[in-house]
Amino acid sequence: MSGKTIFSFLPRAAAEYLYPARCVCCRKSKPKGKPTSEYILLDDPDADLRQVFCDSCAEDFKKSCDTVCRRCGRRAYACECAPDALRAAGIRRAFACFTYEKGHRDSAASQFIYSLKGTENRDSVNFAAHLLSKRIAISGVFGGAPTDVVLTFAPRGAKNIRKYGGDHMKAITELTAKYCGCAFADAFANIARGEQKKRGLYEREHSASESIMLKDGAALTGKNVIILDDIITSGATLGACVTLAHDAGAAQIAVFALAKTGRHSPRNVDAGGGGEK
């Protein structure tokens, strides 16, 4: 072990022992999984995949994965329903890992989403990337594993970046791309001044179309593009990103999120096809 490796390891080891991880939901018990000592070993291949819930909260989180969609009748992790804003952009299948209910703030799923808002929560970011990479792998988008796949994300507005100290979806997408073995692109910018969550459906769609922009130098032409987000509510922000990616010459486009709210389902569901533009 080199001296450089040892010195980079010591702060991490000290932090793990002095400030042991706590469940992101109850903030009391240790996360389910291996003991802390096993996570700080340099040769531990699963260190980045530490779960963020204790046993009790893990069971509660599983319920959000098993919630049945009111439209298609599938469980959340198998549901492919896309809201109208995404369908208008040409996306017929929208993938997610679990259901997020805004009114259930004490649920493990809600607490997990909240824990992601600050990008310094390494364990939550790693777990989110793990969930998304697995969902992408089993989705079968693009008919398998084509070349030229680029992962990008729906960006957070400048106000929220200042509020939380960064864009959590950028951190999650970079790590998801690493797990998937794909390229990463910081392709979009969000110049919105307000918070999307405080807007109604019409306001969300209008705001997204006006505030989401393609960054200079974003090379999406001929690429198979996967756009990630944390929550699909109206689908307006993702829809704006899809339209811009299409106009930039993307070959195929698919969208994934950690969660769907379930409030804005399509009026009908497509059973098959590729989730793409």
Protein backbone atom coordinates (compact mmCIF):
# COMPACT_ATOMS: atom_id res chain seq x y z
CA MET A 1 0.00 0.00 0.00
CA SER A 2 1.52 3.32 -1.08
CA GLY A 3 1.96 6.24 1.30
CA LYS A 4 -0.47 8.31 -0.77
CA THR A 5 -3.11 5.59 -0.49
CA ILE A 6 -2.63 5.26 3.26
CA PHE A 7 -2.97 8.99 3.88
CA SER A 8 -6.09 9.24 1.73
CA PHE A 9 -7.56 6.29 3.66
CA LEU A 10 -6.92 7.57 7.19
CA PRO A 11 -9.42 10.50 7.16
CA ARG A 12 -12.12 8.19 5.88
CA ALA A 13 -11.39 5.58 8.54
CA ALA A 14 -11.41 8.20 11.30
CA ALA A 15 -14.70 9.66 10.08
CA GLU A 16 -16.35 6.24 9.99
CA TYR A 17 -15.42 5.48 13.59
CA LEU A 18 -15.95 8.95 15.07
CA TYR A 19 -19.16 9.66 13.18
CA PRO A 20 -20.76 6.29 12.41
CA ALA A 21 -23.46 6.22 9.77
CA ARG A 22 -27.08 6.38 10.85
CA CYS A 23 -30.23 5.34 9.04
CA VAL A 24 -31.35 8.27 6.86
CA CYS A 25 -34.95 7.74 7.94
CA CYS A 26 -35.00 7.28 11.72
CA ARG A 27 -31.48 8.69 12.31
CA LYS A 28 -31.10 6.30 15.24
CA SER A 29 -30.05 2.81 14.17
CA LYS A 30 -27.10 1.83 12.03
CA PRO A 31 -27.82 1.07 8.37
CA LYS A 32 -28.60 -2.51 7.51
CA GLY A 33 -25.61 -4.38 6.09
CA LYS A 34 -22.04 -5.02 7.08
CA PRO A 35 -20.40 -3.67 10.23
CA THR A 36 -18.70 -0.28 9.92
CA SER A 37 -15.25 -1.87 10.13
CA GLU A 38 -15.87 -3.80 6.91
CA TYR A 39 -16.90 -0.69 4.99
CA ILE A 40 -13.65 1.17 5.60
CA LEU A 41 -11.41 -1.61 4.34
CA LEU A 42 -9.69 -0.56 1.14
CA ASP A 43 -10.23 -3.96 -0.41
CA ASP A 44 -14.00 -4.01 0.24
CA PRO A 45 -15.58 -4.08 -3.26
CA ASP A 46 -19.07 -3.28 -1.91
CA ALA A 47 -18.13 -0.18 0.07
CA ASP A 48 -19.99 2.12 -2.34
CA LEU A 49 -23.14 0.04 -2.09
CA ARG A 50 -23.82 0.49 1.59
CA GLN A 51 -27.54 0.57 2.28
CA VAL A 52 -28.86 3.66 3.99
CA PHE A 53 -31.67 2.16 6.07
CA CYS A 54 -31.86 0.20 9.29
CA ASP A 55 -33.78 -3.09 9.27
CA SER A 56 -37.11 -1.48 10.20
CA CYS A 57 -36.86 1.38 7.71
CA ALA A 58 -35.61 -0.97 4.99
CA GLU A 59 -38.90 -2.85 5.27
CA ASP A 60 -40.80 0.42 4.97
CA PHE A 61 -38.75 1.38 1.91
CA LYS A 62 -39.60 -1.93 0.25
CA LYS A 63 -43.29 -1.01 0.50
CA SER A 64 -42.66 2.00 -1.73
CA CYS A 65 -41.06 -0.32 -4.30
CA ASP A 66 -44.05 -2.66 -4.18
CA THR A 67 -46.74 0.02 -4.51
CA VAL A 68 -49.07 -0.89 -7.37
CA CYS A 69 -49.57 1.69 -10.11
CA ARG A 70 -53.20 2.79 -10.38
CA ARG A 71 -52.97 2.81 -14.18
CA CYS A 72 -51.04 -0.24 -15.30
CA GLY A 73 -51.37 -2.44 -12.21
CA ARG A 74 -47.63 -3.08 -12.03
CA ARG A 75 -45.45 -2.59 -9.00
CA ALA A 76 -43.47 0.67 -8.86
CA TYR A 77 -40.17 -0.88 -9.89
CA ALA A 78 -41.83 -2.49 -12.93
CA CYS A 79 -44.16 0.38 -13.91
CA GLU A 80 -43.31 2.10 -17.20
CA CYS A 81 -46.12 4.68 -17.25
CA ALA A 82 -45.09 8.10 -18.53
CA PRO A 83 -46.94 11.31 -17.60
CA ASP A 84 -48.50 13.40 -20.35
CA ALA A 85 -45.64 15.92 -20.51
CA LEU A 86 -43.20 13.14 -21.36
CA ARG A 87 -45.56 11.53 -23.83
CA ALA A 88 -45.93 14.88 -25.57
CA ALA A 89 -42.14 14.88 -25.94
CA GLY A 90 -42.25 11.42 -27.52
CA ILE A 91 -41.40 9.29 -24.49
CA ARG A 92 -43.83 6.44 -23.94
CA ARG A 93 -41.97 4.62 -21.17
CA ALA A 94 -40.65 6.22 -17.99
CA PHE A 95 -38.74 4.04 -15.53
CA ALA A 96 -38.40 4.47 -11.77
CA CYS A 97 -37.39 2.47 -8.70
CA PHE A 98 -40.08 3.33 -6.15
CA THR A 99 -43.10 5.51 -5.40
CA TYR A 100 -42.77 8.86 -3.65
CA GLU A 101 -45.82 10.25 -1.87
CA LYS A 102 -45.30 13.89 -0.95
CA GLY A 103 -47.76 13.79 1.94
CA HIS A 104 -45.96 10.89 3.65
CA ARG A 105 -42.93 12.79 4.91
CA ASP A 106 -42.07 10.24 7.58
CA SER A 107 -41.82 7.34 5.14
CA ALA A 108 -38.41 5.84 4.40
CA ALA A 109 -38.77 6.76 0.72
CA SER A 110 -39.44 10.43 1.52
CA GLN A 111 -36.58 10.61 4.01
CA PHE A 112 -34.25 8.98 1.49
CA ILE A 113 -35.14 11.58 -1.16
CA TYR A 114 -34.61 14.36 1.38
CA SER A 115 -31.21 12.93 2.35
CA LEU A 116 -30.08 13.33 -1.26
CA LYS A 117 -30.66 17.07 -1.38
CA GLY A 118 -27.24 17.73 0.09
CA THR A 119 -24.59 16.09 -2.08
CA GLU A 120 -22.30 15.54 0.92
CA ASN A 121 -24.34 12.49 1.96
CA ARG A 122 -22.04 9.99 0.26
CA ASP A 123 -23.93 6.86 1.29
CA SER A 124 -27.27 8.13 0.00
CA VAL A 125 -25.75 9.23 -3.31
CA ASN A 126 -24.03 5.86 -3.73
CA PHE A 127 -27.21 3.96 -2.94
CA ALA A 128 -29.21 6.08 -5.39
CA ALA A 129 -26.66 5.41 -8.13
CA HIS A 130 -26.79 1.71 -7.33
CA LEU A 131 -30.60 1.66 -7.63
CA LEU A 132 -30.55 3.53 -10.94
CA SER A 133 -27.78 1.43 -12.47
CA LYS A 134 -29.70 -1.75 -11.65
CA ARG A 135 -32.94 -0.30 -13.04
CA ILE A 136 -31.20 0.68 -16.26
CA ALA A 137 -29.62 -2.78 -16.58
CA ILE A 138 -32.93 -4.64 -16.33
CA SER A 139 -34.99 -2.21 -18.42
CA GLY A 140 -33.76 -3.37 -21.80
CA VAL A 141 -33.82 0.15 -23.27
CA PHE A 142 -32.20 0.61 -26.64
CA GLY A 143 -32.57 -3.13 -27.24
CA GLY A 144 -29.63 -4.20 -25.10
CA ALA A 145 -26.28 -2.51 -24.69
CA PRO A 146 -25.54 -0.32 -27.72
CA THR A 147 -22.44 1.78 -28.07
CA ASP A 148 -22.35 5.54 -27.57
CA VAL A 149 -24.59 5.62 -24.48
CA VAL A 150 -24.42 8.89 -22.57
CA LEU A 151 -25.95 9.52 -19.14
CA THR A 152 -27.04 13.04 -18.30
CA PHE A 153 -29.53 14.60 -15.87
CA ALA A 154 -32.33 17.10 -15.37
CA PRO A 155 -30.55 20.03 -13.69
CA ARG A 156 -31.43 21.81 -10.48
CA GLY A 157 -32.09 25.55 -10.60
CA ALA A 158 -29.47 28.05 -9.47
CA LYS A 159 -31.47 28.97 -6.36
CA ASN A 160 -31.53 25.37 -5.16
CA ILE A 161 -27.86 24.87 -5.99
CA ARG A 162 -27.04 27.79 -3.71
CA LYS A 163 -29.46 26.53 -1.05
CA TYR A 164 -28.14 22.97 -0.94
CA GLY A 165 -24.55 23.55 -2.01
CA GLY A 166 -24.67 21.63 -5.28
CA ASP A 167 -26.74 19.57 -7.67
CA HIS A 168 -27.42 16.13 -6.22
CA MET A 169 -28.47 14.70 -9.58
CA LYS A 170 -25.12 15.60 -11.09
CA ALA A 171 -23.34 13.64 -8.35
CA ILE A 172 -25.76 10.72 -8.70
CA THR A 173 -25.54 10.64 -12.50
CA GLU A 174 -21.76 10.71 -12.53
CA LEU A 175 -21.66 7.70 -10.23
CA THR A 176 -24.44 5.89 -12.10
CA ALA A 177 -22.50 6.33 -15.35
CA LYS A 178 -19.47 4.80 -13.64
CA TYR A 179 -21.48 1.78 -12.45
CA CYS A 180 -23.04 1.35 -15.91
CA GLY A 181 -19.76 1.78 -17.76
CA CYS A 182 -21.22 4.67 -19.78
CA ALA A 183 -20.09 8.19 -20.57
CA PHE A 184 -21.33 11.13 -18.47
CA ALA A 185 -22.41 14.50 -19.85
CA ASP A 186 -23.40 17.68 -18.02
CA ALA A 187 -25.65 18.65 -20.92
CA PHE A 188 -28.37 20.95 -19.56
CA ALA A 189 -28.69 24.15 -17.54
CA ASN A 190 -31.67 25.39 -15.53
CA ILE A 191 -32.10 29.17 -15.34
CA ALA A 192 -35.38 29.01 -13.37
CA ARG A 193 -35.59 31.43 -10.47
CA GLY A 194 -38.26 29.69 -8.40
CA GLU A 195 -38.74 26.14 -7.15
CA GLN A 196 -40.53 23.68 -9.44
CA LYS A 197 -42.23 21.89 -6.53
CA LYS A 198 -44.19 25.04 -5.64
CA ARG A 199 -45.79 25.30 -9.09
CA GLY A 200 -48.97 23.79 -10.48
CA LEU A 201 -49.03 21.44 -13.46
CA TYR A 202 -49.45 24.15 -16.12
CA GLU A 203 -46.85 26.36 -14.46
CA ARG A 204 -44.39 23.46 -14.31
CA GLU A 205 -44.72 22.76 -18.02
CA HIS A 206 -44.44 26.42 -19.02
CA SER A 207 -41.52 27.07 -16.65
CA ALA A 208 -39.57 24.02 -17.79
CA SER A 209 -39.89 24.89 -21.47
CA GLU A 210 -38.58 28.39 -20.74
CA SER A 211 -35.85 27.60 -18.22
CA ILE A 212 -34.12 24.41 -19.40
CA MET A 213 -31.31 25.05 -21.88
CA LEU A 214 -28.74 22.94 -23.70
CA LYS A 215 -25.21 23.83 -22.64
CA ASP A 216 -22.66 24.90 -25.21
CA GLY A 217 -20.47 21.97 -26.16
CA ALA A 218 -22.99 19.31 -25.16
CA ALA A 219 -22.16 16.57 -27.65
CA LEU A 220 -25.31 14.45 -27.97
CA THR A 221 -25.45 14.04 -31.74
CA GLY A 222 -25.75 10.37 -32.68
CA LYS A 223 -25.68 9.30 -29.02
CA ASN A 224 -28.09 7.07 -27.14
CA VAL A 225 -29.02 9.37 -24.28
CA ILE A 226 -30.35 8.39 -20.84
CA ILE A 227 -31.67 11.34 -18.82
CA LEU A 228 -31.96 10.90 -15.04
CA ASP A 229 -34.01 12.75 -12.43
CA ASP A 230 -34.84 12.20 -8.78
CA ILE A 231 -38.64 12.40 -8.96
CA ILE A 232 -41.09 12.34 -11.86
CA THR A 233 -44.13 14.43 -10.96
CA SER A 234 -45.51 16.16 -14.05
CA GLY A 235 -42.55 15.11 -16.20
CA ALA A 236 -42.21 18.71 -17.45
CA THR A 237 -38.52 19.15 -16.68
CA LEU A 238 -37.57 15.79 -18.16
CA GLY A 239 -39.79 16.52 -21.15
CA ALA A 240 -37.95 19.78 -21.81
CA CYS A 241 -34.62 17.93 -21.59
CA VAL A 242 -35.88 15.26 -24.00
CA THR A 243 -36.94 17.87 -26.56
CA LEU A 244 -33.55 19.60 -26.38
CA ALA A 245 -31.67 16.29 -26.68
CA HIS A 246 -33.76 15.37 -29.71
CA ASP A 247 -33.11 18.75 -31.33
CA ALA A 248 -29.40 18.25 -30.63
CA GLY A 249 -29.44 15.07 -32.73
CA ALA A 250 -29.62 12.31 -30.11
CA ALA A 251 -30.20 8.91 -31.71
CA GLN A 252 -32.42 7.45 -28.98
CA ILE A 253 -33.60 8.85 -25.65
CA ALA A 254 -34.78 7.14 -22.46
CA VAL A 255 -35.69 8.58 -19.06
CA PHE A 256 -35.20 7.14 -15.58
CA ALA A 257 -35.91 8.48 -12.11
CA LEU A 258 -35.51 7.27 -8.59
CA ALA A 259 -39.22 7.72 -7.96
CA LYS A 260 -42.59 8.67 -9.43
CA THR A 261 -45.26 10.48 -7.49
CA GLY A 262 -48.04 8.49 -9.15
CA ARG A 263 -50.27 11.54 -9.43
CA HIS A 264 -49.81 12.19 -13.14
CA SER A 265 -50.23 8.90 -14.98
CA PRO A 266 -51.00 8.61 -18.70
CA ARG A 267 -54.53 7.97 -19.83
CA ASN A 268 -53.40 4.73 -21.45
CA VAL A 269 -50.34 2.53 -21.21
CA ASP A 270 -48.15 1.13 -23.96
CA ALA A 271 -47.28 -2.49 -23.31
CA GLY A 272 -44.14 -2.68 -25.37
CA GLY A 273 -41.65 -0.84 -27.52
CA GLY A 274 -38.43 0.89 -26.74
CA GLY A 275 -38.44 3.85 -24.38
CA GLU A 276 -37.09 6.26 -26.70
CA LYS A 277 -37.74 9.22 -28.88
